[in-house]
């Protein structure tokens, strides 16, 4: 068979900003009701929690969490920014989705998208996540004046210094030094230093932060587990919700890669996720016959 350029098409609909917007406006994947319900769940959370949003590769997790983030972003805009064509169309559809739901109470969030695969070559995932939070806040004009950059630079400097001193040195050598106890104390203070960074970004704590971690199951196993451990141990705050868009089966394989086939990977991952959610639309196709990535 001779293939021409016209016969070769992508299997997935790329999650570009325009595709994400149009898919939501037209509800072309039939998921707007699920988006509303998921945002309703996130708006009801008032404590620190980690959610595993589990489905197979190519089932549309990236599209879904990107659309949820888009809703939060549009609702955080100033009145002037909301008048843009992009924002007004999205908000119009969103208002129609929620108009008949008398129980719906929308809670504003600072929404952050973190592509773990794109960041896996960074020195430390903890620093990468914090910088993504800062970037997300800084791109919102309505939030820019709230950021205390002087306090952030100070807190972030102390955090990176502690990470470099303790984690990037040999533990046996540290043990022989007089400062070993100080190093241990520095480690114990890492949650506090992480929290100081978050307070500088969101000084009055009026906004909750929701962080969507995507593509974790495509990373090197060592990096993926390190990111999970950083978040578990150092984001000790009630103001942050983590949503991991993952294929848990692949993540379990990563755990076994690191700890052996006989290791209980399900129980290990239970330490990191407070709840697991599996969408009803797993592996459904949109009207064009393509999967959303």
Protein backbone atom coordinates (compact mmCIF):
# COMPACT_ATOMS: atom_id res chain seq x y z
CA UNK A 1 0.00 0.00 0.00
CA UNK A 2 1.30 3.45 -0.91
CA UNK A 3 0.85 6.05 1.82
CA UNK A 4 0.40 9.70 0.98
CA UNK A 5 0.49 12.67 3.29
CA UNK A 6 -3.32 12.78 3.30
CA UNK A 7 -3.58 9.29 4.80
CA UNK A 8 -1.36 9.94 7.81
CA UNK A 9 -3.16 11.51 10.76
CA UNK A 10 -2.32 11.90 14.41
CA UNK A 11 -4.07 9.55 16.77
CA UNK A 12 -4.24 12.13 19.55
CA UNK A 13 -5.63 15.64 19.66
CA UNK A 14 -2.75 17.72 21.01
CA UNK A 15 -3.50 19.67 24.22
CA UNK A 16 -2.76 23.09 22.77
CA UNK A 17 -4.42 26.12 24.39
CA UNK A 18 -6.78 26.51 21.41
CA UNK A 19 -7.76 22.82 21.35
CA UNK A 20 -8.37 22.86 25.10
CA UNK A 21 -10.54 25.97 24.79
CA UNK A 22 -12.55 24.84 21.75
CA UNK A 23 -13.11 21.36 23.16
CA UNK A 24 -14.60 22.91 26.30
CA UNK A 25 -16.69 25.53 24.49
CA UNK A 26 -18.17 22.92 22.11
CA UNK A 27 -18.11 20.07 24.67
CA UNK A 28 -16.73 17.99 21.82
CA UNK A 29 -15.49 15.24 24.15
CA UNK A 30 -18.71 15.23 26.20
CA UNK A 31 -16.85 15.86 29.45
CA UNK A 32 -18.06 19.27 30.57
CA UNK A 33 -20.39 17.79 33.17
CA UNK A 34 -17.45 15.83 34.62
CA UNK A 35 -15.34 19.01 34.64
CA UNK A 36 -18.05 20.76 36.64
CA UNK A 37 -18.31 17.90 39.14
CA UNK A 38 -14.54 17.68 39.57
CA UNK A 39 -14.25 21.42 40.21
CA UNK A 40 -17.12 21.06 42.67
CA UNK A 41 -15.09 18.43 44.53
CA UNK A 42 -11.94 20.57 44.53
CA UNK A 43 -13.93 23.57 45.77
CA UNK A 44 -15.17 21.56 48.76
CA UNK A 45 -11.68 20.63 50.00
CA UNK A 46 -10.33 22.63 52.93
CA UNK A 47 -7.30 20.57 53.91
CA UNK A 48 -4.10 19.33 52.34
CA UNK A 49 -4.88 16.33 50.16
CA UNK A 50 -3.41 14.32 47.27
CA UNK A 51 -5.69 12.84 44.62
CA UNK A 52 -4.67 10.15 42.14
CA UNK A 53 -6.66 10.81 38.94
CA UNK A 54 -6.13 7.42 37.35
CA UNK A 55 -6.66 6.29 33.76
CA UNK A 56 -4.73 4.68 30.92
CA UNK A 57 -2.24 6.46 28.69
CA UNK A 58 -3.98 8.37 25.91
CA UNK A 59 -7.37 8.46 27.64
CA UNK A 60 -7.47 12.26 27.99
CA UNK A 61 -6.06 13.08 31.43
CA UNK A 62 -3.94 15.99 30.19
CA UNK A 63 -6.88 17.52 28.34
CA UNK A 64 -9.16 17.14 31.33
CA UNK A 65 -6.87 18.68 33.98
CA UNK A 66 -5.87 21.45 31.55
CA UNK A 67 -9.53 22.36 31.10
CA UNK A 68 -10.09 22.35 34.87
CA UNK A 69 -7.06 24.64 35.23
CA UNK A 70 -8.46 26.90 32.50
CA UNK A 71 -11.70 27.35 34.47
CA UNK A 72 -9.82 28.35 37.61
CA UNK A 73 -7.58 30.70 35.61
CA UNK A 74 -10.50 32.47 33.93
CA UNK A 75 -12.32 32.96 37.23
CA UNK A 76 -9.18 34.50 38.78
CA UNK A 77 -8.91 37.19 36.11
CA UNK A 78 -9.59 40.85 36.73
CA UNK A 79 -12.82 42.31 35.29
CA UNK A 80 -10.89 43.91 32.41
CA UNK A 81 -9.17 40.62 31.51
CA UNK A 82 -12.48 38.74 31.56
CA UNK A 83 -13.71 40.89 28.67
CA UNK A 84 -11.32 39.18 26.24
CA UNK A 85 -12.89 36.89 23.63
CA UNK A 86 -11.01 33.85 24.91
CA UNK A 87 -12.06 34.37 28.52
CA UNK A 88 -15.64 35.51 27.90
CA UNK A 89 -16.47 32.46 25.76
CA UNK A 90 -15.09 30.08 28.37
CA UNK A 91 -16.85 31.86 31.24
CA UNK A 92 -20.13 31.91 29.33
CA UNK A 93 -20.07 28.13 28.92
CA UNK A 94 -19.00 27.73 32.55
CA UNK A 95 -21.85 29.91 33.82
CA UNK A 96 -24.36 27.86 31.83
CA UNK A 97 -22.91 24.66 33.29
CA UNK A 98 -23.35 25.81 36.89
CA UNK A 99 -26.45 28.01 36.66
CA UNK A 100 -28.91 25.24 37.56
CA UNK A 101 -26.77 23.73 40.33
CA UNK A 102 -27.96 25.49 43.48
CA UNK A 103 -25.55 23.49 45.66
CA UNK A 104 -22.49 24.53 43.68
CA UNK A 105 -20.13 26.88 45.54
CA UNK A 106 -17.09 27.89 43.50
CA UNK A 107 -13.91 28.36 45.53
CA UNK A 108 -11.17 30.38 43.75
CA UNK A 109 -7.88 28.54 43.40
CA UNK A 110 -4.45 29.36 42.08
CA UNK A 111 -4.15 26.54 39.54
CA UNK A 112 -0.69 25.20 38.66
CA UNK A 113 0.18 22.72 35.90
CA UNK A 114 3.42 20.78 36.43
CA UNK A 115 4.72 18.57 33.63
CA UNK A 116 6.91 16.12 35.54
CA UNK A 117 8.41 14.66 32.37
CA UNK A 118 9.52 18.08 31.13
CA UNK A 119 11.16 18.83 34.50
CA UNK A 120 12.81 15.51 35.30
CA UNK A 121 16.31 16.82 34.48
CA UNK A 122 16.06 19.59 37.09
CA UNK A 123 18.25 19.34 40.16
CA UNK A 124 15.45 18.82 42.67
CA UNK A 125 11.71 18.31 42.03
CA UNK A 126 10.75 20.25 45.17
CA UNK A 127 12.34 23.43 43.82
CA UNK A 128 10.82 22.85 40.38
CA UNK A 129 7.30 22.59 41.79
CA UNK A 130 7.70 25.77 43.86
CA UNK A 131 9.01 27.71 40.86
CA UNK A 132 6.02 26.52 38.81
CA UNK A 133 3.70 27.86 41.51
CA UNK A 134 5.49 31.23 41.39
CA UNK A 135 5.28 31.32 37.59
CA UNK A 136 1.55 30.51 37.66
CA UNK A 137 0.88 33.34 40.13
CA UNK A 138 3.09 35.78 38.22
CA UNK A 139 1.21 35.25 34.94
CA UNK A 140 -2.08 36.32 36.53
CA UNK A 141 -2.24 40.12 36.55
CA UNK A 142 -4.76 40.05 39.38
CA UNK A 143 -2.25 38.13 41.55
CA UNK A 144 1.05 39.77 40.63
CA UNK A 145 0.84 42.53 43.24
CA UNK A 146 0.19 39.97 45.97
CA UNK A 147 3.56 38.24 45.58
CA UNK A 148 6.20 39.28 48.10
CA UNK A 149 9.23 38.70 45.87
CA UNK A 150 11.72 39.84 48.51
CA UNK A 151 10.38 37.31 51.01
CA UNK A 152 10.20 34.63 48.31
CA UNK A 153 13.83 35.07 47.24
CA UNK A 154 14.94 34.83 50.87
CA UNK A 155 12.83 31.75 51.63
CA UNK A 156 13.69 30.00 48.36
CA UNK A 157 17.40 30.68 48.88
CA UNK A 158 17.27 29.07 52.32
CA UNK A 159 15.38 26.09 50.95
CA UNK A 160 17.79 25.42 48.08
CA UNK A 161 20.77 25.88 50.40
CA UNK A 162 19.40 23.25 52.79
CA UNK A 163 18.72 20.82 49.95
CA UNK A 164 22.21 21.27 48.53
CA UNK A 165 23.91 20.90 51.89
CA UNK A 166 22.11 17.77 52.99
CA UNK A 167 20.99 15.82 49.93
CA UNK A 168 23.87 16.46 47.56
CA UNK A 169 26.58 15.31 49.93
CA UNK A 170 27.68 11.93 51.20
CA UNK A 171 25.76 10.92 54.34
CA UNK A 172 28.67 8.95 55.80
CA UNK A 173 30.92 12.00 55.49
CA UNK A 174 28.24 14.17 57.05
CA UNK A 175 28.04 11.83 60.01
CA UNK A 176 31.72 12.40 60.79
CA UNK A 177 31.33 16.16 60.82
CA UNK A 178 30.46 18.23 63.89
CA UNK A 179 27.66 19.86 61.92
CA UNK A 180 25.78 16.60 61.31
CA UNK A 181 23.18 17.45 63.97
CA UNK A 182 22.73 20.84 62.36
CA UNK A 183 22.19 19.14 59.01
CA UNK A 184 19.48 16.93 60.51
CA UNK A 185 17.79 19.97 61.97
CA UNK A 186 17.95 21.63 58.54
CA UNK A 187 16.16 18.61 57.08
CA UNK A 188 13.41 18.84 59.72
CA UNK A 189 12.92 22.50 58.83
CA UNK A 190 12.37 21.83 55.12
CA UNK A 191 8.54 21.71 55.44
CA UNK A 192 8.67 25.08 57.23
CA UNK A 193 10.93 26.56 54.55
CA UNK A 194 8.64 25.24 51.82
CA UNK A 195 5.69 26.84 53.58
CA UNK A 196 7.56 30.17 53.77
CA UNK A 197 7.93 30.11 49.99
CA UNK A 198 4.20 29.50 49.59
CA UNK A 199 3.33 32.31 52.03
CA UNK A 200 5.45 34.74 50.01
CA UNK A 201 3.53 33.80 46.86
CA UNK A 202 0.13 33.87 48.59
CA UNK A 203 0.70 36.15 51.64
CA UNK A 204 -2.84 36.34 53.03
CA UNK A 205 -3.67 32.70 52.19
CA UNK A 206 -6.93 33.83 50.59
CA UNK A 207 -6.43 31.50 47.63
CA UNK A 208 -6.08 27.76 47.86
CA UNK A 209 -3.53 26.25 45.50
CA UNK A 210 -4.30 23.23 43.33
CA UNK A 211 -1.31 21.64 41.61
CA UNK A 212 -1.88 19.27 38.70
CA UNK A 213 1.05 16.87 38.37
CA UNK A 214 1.03 15.35 34.88
CA UNK A 215 3.21 12.84 32.99
CA UNK A 216 4.72 11.41 36.19
CA UNK A 217 4.26 7.88 34.87
CA UNK A 218 6.51 8.68 31.87
CA UNK A 219 9.49 9.78 33.98
CA UNK A 220 12.48 7.76 35.14
CA UNK A 221 11.34 5.63 38.09
CA UNK A 222 13.87 7.17 40.48
CA UNK A 223 12.73 10.71 39.67
CA UNK A 224 9.02 9.85 39.85
CA UNK A 225 9.32 8.33 43.32
CA UNK A 226 11.55 11.16 44.50
CA UNK A 227 8.93 13.70 43.43
CA UNK A 228 6.22 11.79 45.31
CA UNK A 229 8.37 11.65 48.43
CA UNK A 230 9.22 15.38 48.26
CA UNK A 231 5.55 16.31 48.05
CA UNK A 232 4.53 13.90 50.82
CA UNK A 233 7.17 15.07 53.29
CA UNK A 234 7.63 18.76 52.54
CA UNK A 235 4.28 20.18 51.43
CA UNK A 236 2.88 20.07 54.94
CA UNK A 237 0.10 22.63 54.47
CA UNK A 238 -3.68 22.68 54.39
CA UNK A 239 -3.69 25.25 51.60
CA UNK A 240 -2.53 22.95 48.79
CA UNK A 241 -4.36 20.23 46.87
CA UNK A 242 -2.36 17.92 44.60
CA UNK A 243 -3.99 16.17 41.64
CA UNK A 244 -1.81 13.52 40.03
CA UNK A 245 -2.97 12.68 36.50
CA UNK A 246 -1.42 9.22 36.32
CA UNK A 247 -1.68 5.69 35.06
CA UNK A 248 -1.41 3.93 38.43
CA UNK A 249 -0.61 0.59 36.82
CA UNK A 250 2.49 2.09 35.21
CA UNK A 251 3.39 3.86 38.46
CA UNK A 252 3.17 0.54 40.30
CA UNK A 253 5.60 -0.92 37.74
CA UNK A 254 8.02 1.92 38.56
CA UNK A 255 7.89 1.02 42.25
CA UNK A 256 8.68 -2.61 41.45
CA UNK A 257 11.53 -1.48 39.17
CA UNK A 258 13.12 0.30 42.14
CA UNK A 259 12.28 -2.12 44.96
CA UNK A 260 11.79 -5.51 43.29
CA UNK A 261 8.92 -7.50 41.78
CA UNK A 262 7.83 -8.87 45.13
CA UNK A 263 7.44 -5.41 46.65
CA UNK A 264 3.86 -4.34 47.51
CA UNK A 265 3.64 -1.38 45.13
CA UNK A 266 -0.06 -0.75 45.80
CA UNK A 267 0.50 -0.35 49.52
CA UNK A 268 3.56 1.81 48.89
CA UNK A 269 1.59 4.25 46.72
CA UNK A 270 -1.22 4.38 49.27
CA UNK A 271 1.17 6.44 51.43
CA UNK A 272 1.12 9.23 48.87
CA UNK A 273 -2.50 9.35 47.69
CA UNK A 274 -5.37 10.18 50.03
CA UNK A 275 -7.92 9.10 47.44
CA UNK A 276 -8.12 7.65 43.95
CA UNK A 277 -10.52 8.69 41.24
CA UNK A 278 -11.12 7.01 37.90
CA UNK A 279 -13.07 8.91 35.22
CA UNK A 280 -16.06 7.32 33.51
CA UNK A 281 -14.88 8.52 30.12
CA UNK A 282 -11.68 6.45 30.07
CA UNK A 283 -10.71 5.62 26.48
CA UNK A 284 -13.78 7.29 24.97
CA UNK A 285 -13.33 9.08 21.69
CA UNK A 286 -14.42 12.58 20.84
CA UNK A 287 -16.67 13.38 17.89
CA UNK A 288 -13.74 13.54 15.47
CA UNK A 289 -12.72 9.99 16.32
CA UNK A 290 -9.54 11.09 18.13
CA UNK A 291 -8.50 10.62 21.71
CA UNK A 292 -7.68 13.71 23.68
CA UNK A 293 -4.23 13.32 25.12
